[in-house]
Amino acid sequence: MPPSDSEAPDAFDLRILALYQHDTRLAAERIGEHIGLSAAAVQRRLKRLRERGVIEAEVARIAPRAVGLPITCIVSVDLDRETAADLDRFKARMLACAEVQQCYYVTGEVDFVLVVLAADMETFEAFTRHHLLADANVRSFTTHVALERVKCGVSVPLDRTGS
């Protein structure tokens, strides 16, 4: 649940998050030195930000190629029926797919955009057969194979001054 206006992150919280989202191993003391708060204050704020759901998770970012997944495909999926039950069923299926790194329900000409990781094109083709072609509600899909991973991240732009 998003924080209410009274719970919205203040300027100190945003400065903490700006540093923390790039390196969760950064000690509270170092963050405090950068923004002018004590380590204890930083730790309390981080705890509160976790409890409020502002910090959703603290995870390791793994290079797919380094673990045998060099193929990244961006897949646009158009469904035949878009009832709430049909949408929920497709979302649940994608959530259960380890190959699907990201899944977005979108507006426009298609209904979903997926980011799918694969070891090779044969593995990706097996994914499409099992999860897309076998789904009677998938009208069509289009795949774009990424040639190069130029930028990939989950950082949220917290400095909105344009710098």
N, C-alpha and C. Protein backbone atom coordinates (compact mmCIF):
# COMPACT_ATOMS: atom_id res chain seq x y z
N MET A 1 0.84 -1.17 0.00
CA MET A 1 0.00 0.00 0.00
C MET A 1 0.89 1.24 0.00
N PRO A 2 0.62 2.21 -0.89
CA PRO A 2 1.44 3.42 -0.91
C PRO A 2 1.22 4.25 0.33
N PRO A 3 2.25 4.98 0.75
CA PRO A 3 2.11 5.80 1.95
C PRO A 3 1.13 6.94 1.72
N SER A 4 0.43 7.35 2.79
CA SER A 4 -0.45 8.52 2.69
C SER A 4 0.43 9.76 2.66
N ASP A 5 -0.20 10.92 2.38
CA ASP A 5 0.58 12.16 2.33
C ASP A 5 1.33 12.42 3.62
N SER A 6 0.72 12.09 4.76
CA SER A 6 1.38 12.32 6.04
C SER A 6 2.54 11.35 6.25
N GLU A 7 2.51 10.22 5.54
CA GLU A 7 3.57 9.23 5.65
C GLU A 7 4.56 9.31 4.49
N ALA A 8 4.32 10.21 3.55
CA ALA A 8 5.19 10.30 2.37
C ALA A 8 6.62 10.60 2.80
N PRO A 9 7.58 10.04 2.08
CA PRO A 9 8.99 10.30 2.42
C PRO A 9 9.31 11.79 2.38
N ASP A 10 10.02 12.25 3.40
CA ASP A 10 10.44 13.65 3.43
C ASP A 10 11.79 13.80 2.72
N ALA A 11 12.35 14.99 2.74
CA ALA A 11 13.60 15.27 2.02
C ALA A 11 14.74 14.38 2.52
N PHE A 12 14.83 14.15 3.84
CA PHE A 12 15.89 13.27 4.36
C PHE A 12 15.68 11.84 3.87
N ASP A 13 14.43 11.38 3.90
CA ASP A 13 14.14 10.02 3.42
C ASP A 13 14.56 9.86 1.97
N LEU A 14 14.22 10.85 1.13
CA LEU A 14 14.57 10.77 -0.29
C LEU A 14 16.08 10.75 -0.49
N ARG A 15 16.81 11.51 0.32
CA ARG A 15 18.27 11.52 0.21
C ARG A 15 18.85 10.18 0.66
N ILE A 16 18.26 9.61 1.70
CA ILE A 16 18.68 8.27 2.16
C ILE A 16 18.42 7.25 1.04
N LEU A 17 17.21 7.27 0.49
CA LEU A 17 16.85 6.32 -0.56
C LEU A 17 17.72 6.47 -1.80
N ALA A 18 18.07 7.71 -2.14
CA ALA A 18 18.91 7.94 -3.32
C ALA A 18 20.25 7.23 -3.18
N LEU A 19 20.81 7.22 -1.99
CA LEU A 19 22.08 6.52 -1.76
C LEU A 19 21.86 5.01 -1.60
N TYR A 20 20.86 4.66 -0.82
CA TYR A 20 20.63 3.27 -0.44
C TYR A 20 20.24 2.39 -1.63
N GLN A 21 19.47 2.93 -2.57
CA GLN A 21 19.02 2.10 -3.69
C GLN A 21 20.17 1.67 -4.60
N HIS A 22 21.28 2.38 -4.56
CA HIS A 22 22.42 2.01 -5.39
C HIS A 22 23.39 1.08 -4.67
N ASP A 23 23.31 1.03 -3.33
CA ASP A 23 24.20 0.15 -2.57
C ASP A 23 23.59 -0.09 -1.19
N THR A 24 22.87 -1.20 -1.04
CA THR A 24 22.22 -1.50 0.24
C THR A 24 23.22 -1.93 1.32
N ARG A 25 24.47 -2.12 0.92
CA ARG A 25 25.49 -2.46 1.92
C ARG A 25 26.14 -1.21 2.53
N LEU A 26 25.77 -0.05 2.02
CA LEU A 26 26.30 1.20 2.54
C LEU A 26 25.88 1.35 4.00
N ALA A 27 26.85 1.53 4.88
CA ALA A 27 26.56 1.62 6.32
C ALA A 27 25.76 2.88 6.65
N ALA A 28 24.92 2.76 7.65
CA ALA A 28 24.10 3.89 8.10
C ALA A 28 24.99 5.07 8.48
N GLU A 29 26.16 4.79 9.01
CA GLU A 29 27.09 5.86 9.38
C GLU A 29 27.51 6.67 8.15
N ARG A 30 27.80 5.97 7.05
CA ARG A 30 28.22 6.65 5.81
C ARG A 30 27.07 7.45 5.21
N ILE A 31 25.88 6.87 5.22
CA ILE A 31 24.71 7.59 4.71
C ILE A 31 24.50 8.85 5.55
N GLY A 32 24.57 8.68 6.87
CA GLY A 32 24.40 9.82 7.77
C GLY A 32 25.41 10.92 7.52
N GLU A 33 26.66 10.55 7.27
CA GLU A 33 27.70 11.54 6.97
C GLU A 33 27.35 12.34 5.71
N HIS A 34 26.80 11.66 4.71
CA HIS A 34 26.45 12.32 3.45
C HIS A 34 25.28 13.29 3.59
N ILE A 35 24.33 12.96 4.48
CA ILE A 35 23.11 13.77 4.52
C ILE A 35 22.91 14.56 5.80
N GLY A 36 23.82 14.39 6.77
CA GLY A 36 23.74 15.17 8.00
C GLY A 36 22.81 14.62 9.06
N LEU A 37 22.73 13.30 9.16
CA LEU A 37 21.95 12.65 10.23
C LEU A 37 22.83 11.65 10.94
N SER A 38 22.44 11.29 12.15
CA SER A 38 23.16 10.25 12.88
C SER A 38 22.86 8.89 12.28
N ALA A 39 23.72 7.93 12.55
CA ALA A 39 23.51 6.56 12.06
C ALA A 39 22.20 6.00 12.61
N ALA A 40 21.92 6.28 13.87
CA ALA A 40 20.68 5.78 14.48
C ALA A 40 19.46 6.36 13.78
N ALA A 41 19.50 7.65 13.44
CA ALA A 41 18.37 8.27 12.73
C ALA A 41 18.19 7.64 11.35
N VAL A 42 19.29 7.36 10.67
CA VAL A 42 19.21 6.72 9.35
C VAL A 42 18.60 5.33 9.50
N GLN A 43 19.05 4.56 10.49
CA GLN A 43 18.51 3.22 10.70
C GLN A 43 17.02 3.25 11.01
N ARG A 44 16.58 4.21 11.85
CA ARG A 44 15.15 4.34 12.16
C ARG A 44 14.34 4.66 10.90
N ARG A 45 14.87 5.56 10.09
CA ARG A 45 14.17 5.95 8.86
C ARG A 45 14.11 4.77 7.87
N LEU A 46 15.20 4.03 7.74
CA LEU A 46 15.18 2.87 6.86
C LEU A 46 14.17 1.83 7.33
N LYS A 47 14.11 1.61 8.63
CA LYS A 47 13.14 0.67 9.20
C LYS A 47 11.72 1.12 8.88
N ARG A 48 11.44 2.41 9.05
CA ARG A 48 10.11 2.95 8.78
C ARG A 48 9.79 2.84 7.29
N LEU A 49 10.75 3.12 6.43
CA LEU A 49 10.54 3.02 4.99
C LEU A 49 10.24 1.58 4.56
N ARG A 50 10.87 0.62 5.21
CA ARG A 50 10.57 -0.80 4.93
C ARG A 50 9.16 -1.14 5.39
N GLU A 51 8.82 -0.74 6.60
CA GLU A 51 7.50 -1.05 7.16
C GLU A 51 6.37 -0.45 6.34
N ARG A 52 6.60 0.71 5.76
CA ARG A 52 5.57 1.39 4.96
C ARG A 52 5.54 0.92 3.51
N GLY A 53 6.44 0.05 3.15
CA GLY A 53 6.44 -0.47 1.80
C GLY A 53 7.12 0.41 0.77
N VAL A 54 7.77 1.48 1.23
CA VAL A 54 8.52 2.32 0.30
C VAL A 54 9.71 1.53 -0.24
N ILE A 55 10.41 0.83 0.66
CA ILE A 55 11.46 -0.11 0.25
C ILE A 55 10.77 -1.46 0.11
N GLU A 56 10.61 -1.90 -1.13
CA GLU A 56 9.88 -3.15 -1.39
C GLU A 56 10.73 -4.38 -1.14
N ALA A 57 12.02 -4.31 -1.48
CA ALA A 57 12.90 -5.47 -1.33
C ALA A 57 14.34 -5.01 -1.39
N GLU A 58 15.23 -5.82 -0.86
CA GLU A 58 16.66 -5.57 -0.93
C GLU A 58 17.28 -6.84 -1.51
N VAL A 59 17.68 -6.74 -2.79
CA VAL A 59 18.08 -7.93 -3.53
C VAL A 59 19.42 -7.73 -4.22
N ALA A 60 20.01 -8.84 -4.64
CA ALA A 60 21.23 -8.79 -5.44
C ALA A 60 20.84 -8.72 -6.91
N ARG A 61 21.52 -7.89 -7.67
CA ARG A 61 21.29 -7.82 -9.12
C ARG A 61 22.34 -8.71 -9.78
N ILE A 62 21.88 -9.74 -10.46
CA ILE A 62 22.76 -10.75 -11.05
C ILE A 62 22.81 -10.55 -12.56
N ALA A 63 23.99 -10.64 -13.12
CA ALA A 63 24.17 -10.52 -14.57
C ALA A 63 23.67 -11.80 -15.23
N PRO A 64 22.58 -11.74 -16.01
CA PRO A 64 22.03 -12.96 -16.62
C PRO A 64 23.05 -13.76 -17.43
N ARG A 65 23.87 -13.06 -18.22
CA ARG A 65 24.86 -13.75 -19.05
C ARG A 65 25.84 -14.56 -18.19
N ALA A 66 26.17 -14.04 -17.02
CA ALA A 66 27.14 -14.71 -16.15
C ALA A 66 26.61 -16.03 -15.60
N VAL A 67 25.29 -16.20 -15.61
CA VAL A 67 24.69 -17.44 -15.08
C VAL A 67 24.01 -18.24 -16.20
N GLY A 68 24.47 -18.03 -17.43
CA GLY A 68 23.99 -18.85 -18.54
C GLY A 68 22.68 -18.43 -19.16
N LEU A 69 22.28 -17.17 -18.99
CA LEU A 69 21.05 -16.67 -19.60
C LEU A 69 21.34 -15.45 -20.47
N PRO A 70 22.03 -15.65 -21.59
CA PRO A 70 22.46 -14.51 -22.41
C PRO A 70 21.38 -13.91 -23.31
N ILE A 71 20.25 -14.59 -23.46
CA ILE A 71 19.20 -14.13 -24.37
C ILE A 71 18.13 -13.38 -23.58
N THR A 72 17.89 -12.12 -23.96
CA THR A 72 16.80 -11.33 -23.37
C THR A 72 15.82 -11.02 -24.48
N CYS A 73 14.56 -11.38 -24.26
CA CYS A 73 13.51 -11.12 -25.25
C CYS A 73 12.45 -10.21 -24.63
N ILE A 74 12.04 -9.22 -25.39
CA ILE A 74 10.94 -8.35 -24.98
C ILE A 74 9.75 -8.81 -25.81
N VAL A 75 8.71 -9.26 -25.13
CA VAL A 75 7.58 -9.91 -25.79
C VAL A 75 6.31 -9.10 -25.55
N SER A 76 5.65 -8.67 -26.62
CA SER A 76 4.36 -7.99 -26.54
C SER A 76 3.28 -9.04 -26.74
N VAL A 77 2.32 -9.08 -25.82
CA VAL A 77 1.27 -10.10 -25.85
C VAL A 77 -0.09 -9.44 -25.96
N ASP A 78 -0.88 -9.90 -26.93
CA ASP A 78 -2.24 -9.42 -27.12
C ASP A 78 -3.19 -10.56 -26.76
N LEU A 79 -4.10 -10.31 -25.82
CA LEU A 79 -5.07 -11.32 -25.42
C LEU A 79 -6.35 -11.20 -26.25
N ASP A 80 -7.04 -12.29 -26.37
CA ASP A 80 -8.31 -12.31 -27.09
C ASP A 80 -9.43 -11.72 -26.22
N ARG A 81 -9.54 -12.20 -24.99
CA ARG A 81 -10.55 -11.72 -24.05
C ARG A 81 -9.85 -11.01 -22.90
N GLU A 82 -10.44 -9.91 -22.44
CA GLU A 82 -9.82 -9.11 -21.39
C GLU A 82 -10.74 -8.93 -20.18
N THR A 83 -11.45 -9.98 -19.82
CA THR A 83 -12.25 -9.89 -18.61
C THR A 83 -11.29 -9.87 -17.42
N ALA A 84 -11.80 -9.46 -16.28
CA ALA A 84 -10.95 -9.44 -15.08
C ALA A 84 -10.37 -10.82 -14.80
N ALA A 85 -11.18 -11.85 -14.95
CA ALA A 85 -10.71 -13.22 -14.69
C ALA A 85 -9.63 -13.62 -15.68
N ASP A 86 -9.80 -13.26 -16.97
CA ASP A 86 -8.79 -13.60 -17.97
C ASP A 86 -7.48 -12.88 -17.70
N LEU A 87 -7.56 -11.60 -17.35
CA LEU A 87 -6.36 -10.84 -17.04
C LEU A 87 -5.66 -11.41 -15.82
N ASP A 88 -6.43 -11.70 -14.77
CA ASP A 88 -5.84 -12.26 -13.55
C ASP A 88 -5.20 -13.62 -13.81
N ARG A 89 -5.82 -14.43 -14.65
CA ARG A 89 -5.28 -15.75 -14.98
C ARG A 89 -3.93 -15.60 -15.70
N PHE A 90 -3.86 -14.67 -16.67
CA PHE A 90 -2.60 -14.47 -17.39
C PHE A 90 -1.52 -13.93 -16.45
N LYS A 91 -1.88 -12.96 -15.61
CA LYS A 91 -0.92 -12.40 -14.65
C LYS A 91 -0.37 -13.50 -13.75
N ALA A 92 -1.24 -14.36 -13.24
CA ALA A 92 -0.82 -15.45 -12.34
C ALA A 92 0.12 -16.40 -13.07
N ARG A 93 -0.16 -16.70 -14.32
CA ARG A 93 0.71 -17.59 -15.09
C ARG A 93 2.09 -16.97 -15.28
N MET A 94 2.15 -15.68 -15.56
CA MET A 94 3.43 -15.03 -15.75
C MET A 94 4.20 -14.92 -14.43
N LEU A 95 3.49 -14.65 -13.34
CA LEU A 95 4.15 -14.61 -12.03
C LEU A 95 4.81 -15.94 -11.70
N ALA A 96 4.23 -17.02 -12.17
CA ALA A 96 4.76 -18.36 -11.87
C ALA A 96 5.90 -18.77 -12.79
N CYS A 97 6.17 -18.01 -13.84
CA CYS A 97 7.23 -18.35 -14.81
C CYS A 97 8.56 -17.78 -14.37
N ALA A 98 9.50 -18.63 -14.08
CA ALA A 98 10.84 -18.18 -13.68
C ALA A 98 11.52 -17.41 -14.81
N GLU A 99 11.22 -17.77 -16.06
CA GLU A 99 11.85 -17.12 -17.21
C GLU A 99 11.43 -15.67 -17.36
N VAL A 100 10.24 -15.34 -16.86
CA VAL A 100 9.71 -13.98 -17.00
C VAL A 100 10.31 -13.11 -15.91
N GLN A 101 11.22 -12.24 -16.31
CA GLN A 101 11.88 -11.35 -15.36
C GLN A 101 10.98 -10.19 -15.00
N GLN A 102 10.24 -9.68 -15.99
CA GLN A 102 9.33 -8.56 -15.77
C GLN A 102 8.07 -8.79 -16.58
N CYS A 103 6.94 -8.31 -16.04
CA CYS A 103 5.67 -8.42 -16.73
C CYS A 103 4.88 -7.15 -16.45
N TYR A 104 4.46 -6.48 -17.52
CA TYR A 104 3.72 -5.22 -17.39
C TYR A 104 2.37 -5.36 -18.09
N TYR A 105 1.32 -4.99 -17.42
CA TYR A 105 -0.01 -4.86 -18.02
C TYR A 105 -0.06 -3.44 -18.54
N VAL A 106 -0.25 -3.25 -19.84
CA VAL A 106 -0.06 -1.94 -20.46
C VAL A 106 -1.29 -1.49 -21.25
N THR A 107 -1.30 -0.21 -21.57
CA THR A 107 -2.30 0.33 -22.48
C THR A 107 -1.73 0.30 -23.89
N GLY A 108 -2.59 0.48 -24.88
CA GLY A 108 -2.12 0.55 -26.25
C GLY A 108 -2.55 -0.64 -27.08
N GLU A 109 -1.74 -0.97 -28.07
CA GLU A 109 -2.09 -2.00 -29.04
C GLU A 109 -1.99 -3.42 -28.49
N VAL A 110 -1.24 -3.61 -27.41
CA VAL A 110 -1.12 -4.94 -26.80
C VAL A 110 -1.53 -4.84 -25.33
N ASP A 111 -1.67 -5.99 -24.72
CA ASP A 111 -2.13 -6.02 -23.33
C ASP A 111 -1.00 -6.17 -22.31
N PHE A 112 0.03 -6.90 -22.68
CA PHE A 112 1.15 -7.15 -21.76
C PHE A 112 2.47 -7.01 -22.50
N VAL A 113 3.49 -6.59 -21.76
CA VAL A 113 4.86 -6.60 -22.25
C VAL A 113 5.66 -7.40 -21.23
N LEU A 114 6.39 -8.38 -21.73
CA LEU A 114 7.19 -9.27 -20.89
C LEU A 114 8.67 -9.08 -21.21
N VAL A 115 9.49 -9.25 -20.20
CA VAL A 115 10.94 -9.38 -20.40
C VAL A 115 11.26 -10.80 -19.98
N VAL A 116 11.75 -11.58 -20.94
CA VAL A 116 11.99 -13.00 -20.73
C VAL A 116 13.46 -13.31 -20.93
N LEU A 117 14.04 -14.05 -20.00
CA LEU A 117 15.44 -14.47 -20.09
C LEU A 117 15.50 -15.93 -20.52
N ALA A 118 16.48 -16.25 -21.38
CA ALA A 118 16.63 -17.62 -21.85
C ALA A 118 18.09 -17.96 -22.09
N ALA A 119 18.39 -19.25 -21.99
CA ALA A 119 19.75 -19.73 -22.23
C ALA A 119 20.08 -19.69 -23.72
N ASP A 120 19.08 -19.95 -24.56
CA ASP A 120 19.27 -19.96 -26.00
C ASP A 120 17.91 -19.83 -26.66
N MET A 121 17.89 -19.75 -27.98
CA MET A 121 16.63 -19.54 -28.69
C MET A 121 15.73 -20.77 -28.61
N GLU A 122 16.31 -21.95 -28.50
CA GLU A 122 15.49 -23.16 -28.34
C GLU A 122 14.72 -23.12 -27.03
N THR A 123 15.38 -22.65 -25.98
CA THR A 123 14.72 -22.53 -24.68
C THR A 123 13.62 -21.48 -24.73
N PHE A 124 13.89 -20.37 -25.42
CA PHE A 124 12.87 -19.34 -25.56
C PHE A 124 11.69 -19.88 -26.36
N GLU A 125 11.96 -20.62 -27.42
CA GLU A 125 10.88 -21.18 -28.23
C GLU A 125 10.03 -22.13 -27.40
N ALA A 126 10.65 -22.92 -26.54
CA ALA A 126 9.90 -23.81 -25.65
C ALA A 126 9.02 -23.00 -24.70
N PHE A 127 9.54 -21.88 -24.21
CA PHE A 127 8.73 -20.99 -23.37
C PHE A 127 7.50 -20.52 -24.13
N THR A 128 7.70 -20.06 -25.38
CA THR A 128 6.55 -19.55 -26.14
C THR A 128 5.52 -20.65 -26.40
N ARG A 129 5.98 -21.84 -26.70
CA ARG A 129 5.05 -22.96 -26.94
C ARG A 129 4.24 -23.27 -25.68
N HIS A 130 4.92 -23.34 -24.56
CA HIS A 130 4.27 -23.76 -23.31
C HIS A 130 3.39 -22.67 -22.70
N HIS A 131 3.85 -21.42 -22.74
CA HIS A 131 3.16 -20.35 -22.02
C HIS A 131 2.34 -19.40 -22.90
N LEU A 132 2.62 -19.35 -24.18
CA LEU A 132 1.89 -18.42 -25.05
C LEU A 132 1.06 -19.16 -26.10
N LEU A 133 1.67 -19.99 -26.89
CA LEU A 133 0.93 -20.70 -27.94
C LEU A 133 -0.10 -21.67 -27.36
N ALA A 134 0.17 -22.24 -26.20
CA ALA A 134 -0.76 -23.19 -25.59
C ALA A 134 -1.91 -22.49 -24.87
N ASP A 135 -1.84 -21.18 -24.72
CA ASP A 135 -2.90 -20.42 -24.05
C ASP A 135 -3.91 -19.97 -25.10
N ALA A 136 -5.10 -20.53 -25.07
CA ALA A 136 -6.13 -20.22 -26.06
C ALA A 136 -6.54 -18.76 -26.03
N ASN A 137 -6.25 -18.05 -24.94
CA ASN A 137 -6.62 -16.64 -24.85
C ASN A 137 -5.55 -15.69 -25.39
N VAL A 138 -4.39 -16.20 -25.75
CA VAL A 138 -3.36 -15.36 -26.36
C VAL A 138 -3.66 -15.26 -27.85
N ARG A 139 -4.07 -14.07 -28.28
CA ARG A 139 -4.40 -13.84 -29.69
C ARG A 139 -3.12 -13.83 -30.52
N SER A 140 -2.11 -13.08 -30.04
CA SER A 140 -0.85 -12.99 -30.77
C SER A 140 0.23 -12.47 -29.83
N PHE A 141 1.46 -12.65 -30.27
CA PHE A 141 2.58 -12.06 -29.54
C PHE A 141 3.69 -11.72 -30.53
N THR A 142 4.47 -10.72 -30.18
CA THR A 142 5.60 -10.28 -30.99
C THR A 142 6.83 -10.26 -30.09
N THR A 143 7.92 -10.78 -30.60
CA THR A 143 9.15 -10.87 -29.83
C THR A 143 10.23 -9.97 -30.42
N HIS A 144 10.91 -9.26 -29.55
CA HIS A 144 12.10 -8.49 -29.92
C HIS A 144 13.25 -9.08 -29.12
N VAL A 145 14.28 -9.53 -29.81
CA VAL A 145 15.46 -10.08 -29.15
C VAL A 145 16.45 -8.95 -28.93
N ALA A 146 16.85 -8.75 -27.69
CA ALA A 146 17.80 -7.68 -27.37
C ALA A 146 19.18 -8.05 -27.89
N LEU A 147 19.79 -7.12 -28.60
CA LEU A 147 21.14 -7.34 -29.11
C LEU A 147 22.19 -6.98 -28.06
N GLU A 148 21.85 -6.00 -27.22
CA GLU A 148 22.78 -5.54 -26.20
C GLU A 148 22.00 -5.00 -25.01
N ARG A 149 22.46 -5.30 -23.84
CA ARG A 149 21.87 -4.78 -22.61
C ARG A 149 22.54 -3.44 -22.31
N VAL A 150 21.91 -2.36 -22.72
CA VAL A 150 22.49 -1.03 -22.59
C VAL A 150 22.27 -0.48 -21.19
N LYS A 151 21.07 -0.60 -20.67
CA LYS A 151 20.75 -0.14 -19.32
C LYS A 151 19.68 -1.05 -18.75
N CYS A 152 19.92 -1.51 -17.56
CA CYS A 152 18.96 -2.38 -16.90
C CYS A 152 19.06 -2.11 -15.41
N GLY A 153 17.99 -1.70 -14.82
CA GLY A 153 18.04 -1.41 -13.40
C GLY A 153 16.67 -1.23 -12.81
N VAL A 154 16.67 -0.98 -11.52
CA VAL A 154 15.41 -0.75 -10.82
C VAL A 154 15.47 0.55 -10.01
N SER A 155 16.49 1.35 -10.25
CA SER A 155 16.60 2.63 -9.52
C SER A 155 15.44 3.55 -9.88
N VAL A 156 14.94 4.21 -8.86
CA VAL A 156 13.85 5.16 -9.02
C VAL A 156 14.46 6.56 -9.04
N PRO A 157 14.10 7.39 -10.03
CA PRO A 157 14.67 8.75 -10.07
C PRO A 157 14.10 9.59 -8.93
N LEU A 158 14.91 9.85 -7.93
CA LEU A 158 14.45 10.58 -6.75
C LEU A 158 14.78 12.06 -6.81
N ASP A 159 15.76 12.44 -7.63
CA ASP A 159 16.10 13.84 -7.81
C ASP A 159 15.37 14.33 -9.04
N ARG A 160 14.27 15.00 -8.86
CA ARG A 160 13.44 15.41 -9.99
C ARG A 160 13.73 16.83 -10.43
N THR A 161 14.92 17.34 -10.11
CA THR A 161 15.27 18.70 -10.49
C THR A 161 15.82 18.76 -11.91
N GLY A 162 16.01 17.57 -12.52
CA GLY A 162 16.49 17.53 -13.90
C GLY A 162 17.98 17.39 -14.02
N SER A 163 18.68 17.21 -12.91
CA SER A 163 20.15 17.07 -13.00
C SER A 163 20.54 15.63 -13.21
